[in-house]
Amino acid sequence: MGKGTHMGIRRVDRFIQGFFMSLDRGILYRRPEAFVGEKYSATERDLVLALCRKVVFCDWGGLPADKSLFHWRPRSTPTST
């Protein structure tokens, strides 16, 4: 790949990060809230919605790099013999 390709990939990475961080969290939460309300029993619904709230409304800014998919890089895999 040439230099232009690498620069383009970096720009796309930054765009995607900015896009997801700028989403309205209230709107984002209402989608699974409606689905879970229809499809899950009361006991499961409370647990799933609590997890959704934690994920959607969490401030991910201080997340360590090794715990974030924003910093994910493919690992080399051992070859089978």
Protein backbone atom coordinates (compact mmCIF):
# COMPACT_ATOMS: atom_id res chain seq x y z
CA MET A 1 0.00 0.00 0.00
CA GLY A 2 1.16 3.50 -0.74
CA LYS A 3 1.35 6.52 1.55
CA GLY A 4 -2.02 7.79 0.31
CA THR A 5 -3.72 4.54 1.30
CA HIS A 6 -2.26 4.64 4.81
CA MET A 7 -3.31 8.26 5.27
CA GLY A 8 -6.81 7.42 4.03
CA ILE A 9 -7.13 4.56 6.50
CA ARG A 10 -6.07 6.83 9.39
CA ARG A 11 -8.64 9.44 8.33
CA VAL A 12 -11.40 6.82 8.20
CA ASP A 13 -10.40 5.55 11.67
CA ARG A 14 -10.68 9.07 13.11
CA PHE A 15 -14.01 9.65 11.35
CA ILE A 16 -15.50 6.44 12.72
CA GLN A 17 -14.35 7.23 16.26
CA GLY A 18 -15.80 10.73 16.06
CA PHE A 19 -19.04 9.47 14.53
CA PHE A 20 -19.81 6.96 17.26
CA MET A 21 -18.78 9.30 20.07
CA SER A 22 -21.10 12.02 18.71
CA LEU A 23 -24.27 9.89 18.61
CA ASP A 24 -27.14 11.03 20.81
CA ARG A 25 -27.03 8.48 23.60
CA GLY A 26 -30.72 8.85 24.45
CA ILE A 27 -31.70 7.89 20.92
CA LEU A 28 -29.12 5.12 20.89
CA TYR A 29 -30.52 3.67 24.13
CA ARG A 30 -34.18 3.76 23.03
CA ARG A 31 -33.54 1.26 20.22
CA PRO A 32 -32.48 -1.70 22.39
CA GLU A 33 -34.87 -0.57 25.15
CA ALA A 34 -37.87 -1.06 22.83
CA PHE A 35 -36.56 -4.37 21.48
CA VAL A 36 -35.70 -5.81 24.90
CA GLY A 37 -39.06 -4.68 26.28
CA GLU A 38 -40.85 -6.76 23.66
CA LYS A 39 -38.63 -9.85 23.47
CA TYR A 40 -37.39 -10.61 27.01
CA SER A 41 -39.05 -11.79 30.22
CA ALA A 42 -39.15 -9.33 33.16
CA THR A 43 -36.11 -10.86 34.91
CA GLU A 44 -33.95 -10.94 31.80
CA ARG A 45 -35.22 -7.53 30.67
CA ASP A 46 -33.94 -5.79 33.82
CA LEU A 47 -30.47 -7.31 33.46
CA VAL A 48 -30.14 -6.65 29.73
CA LEU A 49 -31.36 -3.06 30.05
CA ALA A 50 -28.95 -2.43 32.95
CA LEU A 51 -26.08 -3.66 30.76
CA CYS A 52 -27.27 -1.54 27.83
CA ARG A 53 -27.41 1.56 30.07
CA LYS A 54 -23.85 0.92 31.27
CA VAL A 55 -22.53 0.54 27.73
CA VAL A 56 -24.44 3.43 26.14
CA PHE A 57 -24.09 6.02 28.90
CA CYS A 58 -20.55 5.21 30.01
CA ASP A 59 -17.82 7.79 29.42
CA TRP A 60 -15.31 5.76 27.43
CA GLY A 61 -12.74 8.55 27.28
CA GLY A 62 -10.53 7.18 30.08
CA LEU A 63 -10.59 3.59 28.88
CA PRO A 64 -7.08 2.09 28.69
CA ALA A 65 -5.85 1.38 25.16
CA ASP A 66 -5.63 -2.36 25.82
CA LYS A 67 -9.34 -2.42 26.74
CA SER A 68 -10.64 -0.52 23.72
CA LEU A 69 -11.41 -1.66 20.19
CA PHE A 70 -10.32 1.80 18.99
CA HIS A 71 -6.72 0.63 19.44
CA TRP A 72 -7.22 -2.91 18.14
CA ARG A 73 -4.57 -4.31 15.84
CA PRO A 74 -4.54 -7.81 14.38
CA ARG A 75 -2.23 -10.24 16.08
CA SER A 76 -0.06 -12.64 14.22
CA THR A 77 -1.49 -16.12 14.38
CA PRO A 78 0.59 -19.25 14.67
CA THR A 79 0.61 -21.35 11.55
CA SER A 80 -0.60 -24.91 11.81
CA THR A 81 1.82 -27.69 10.95
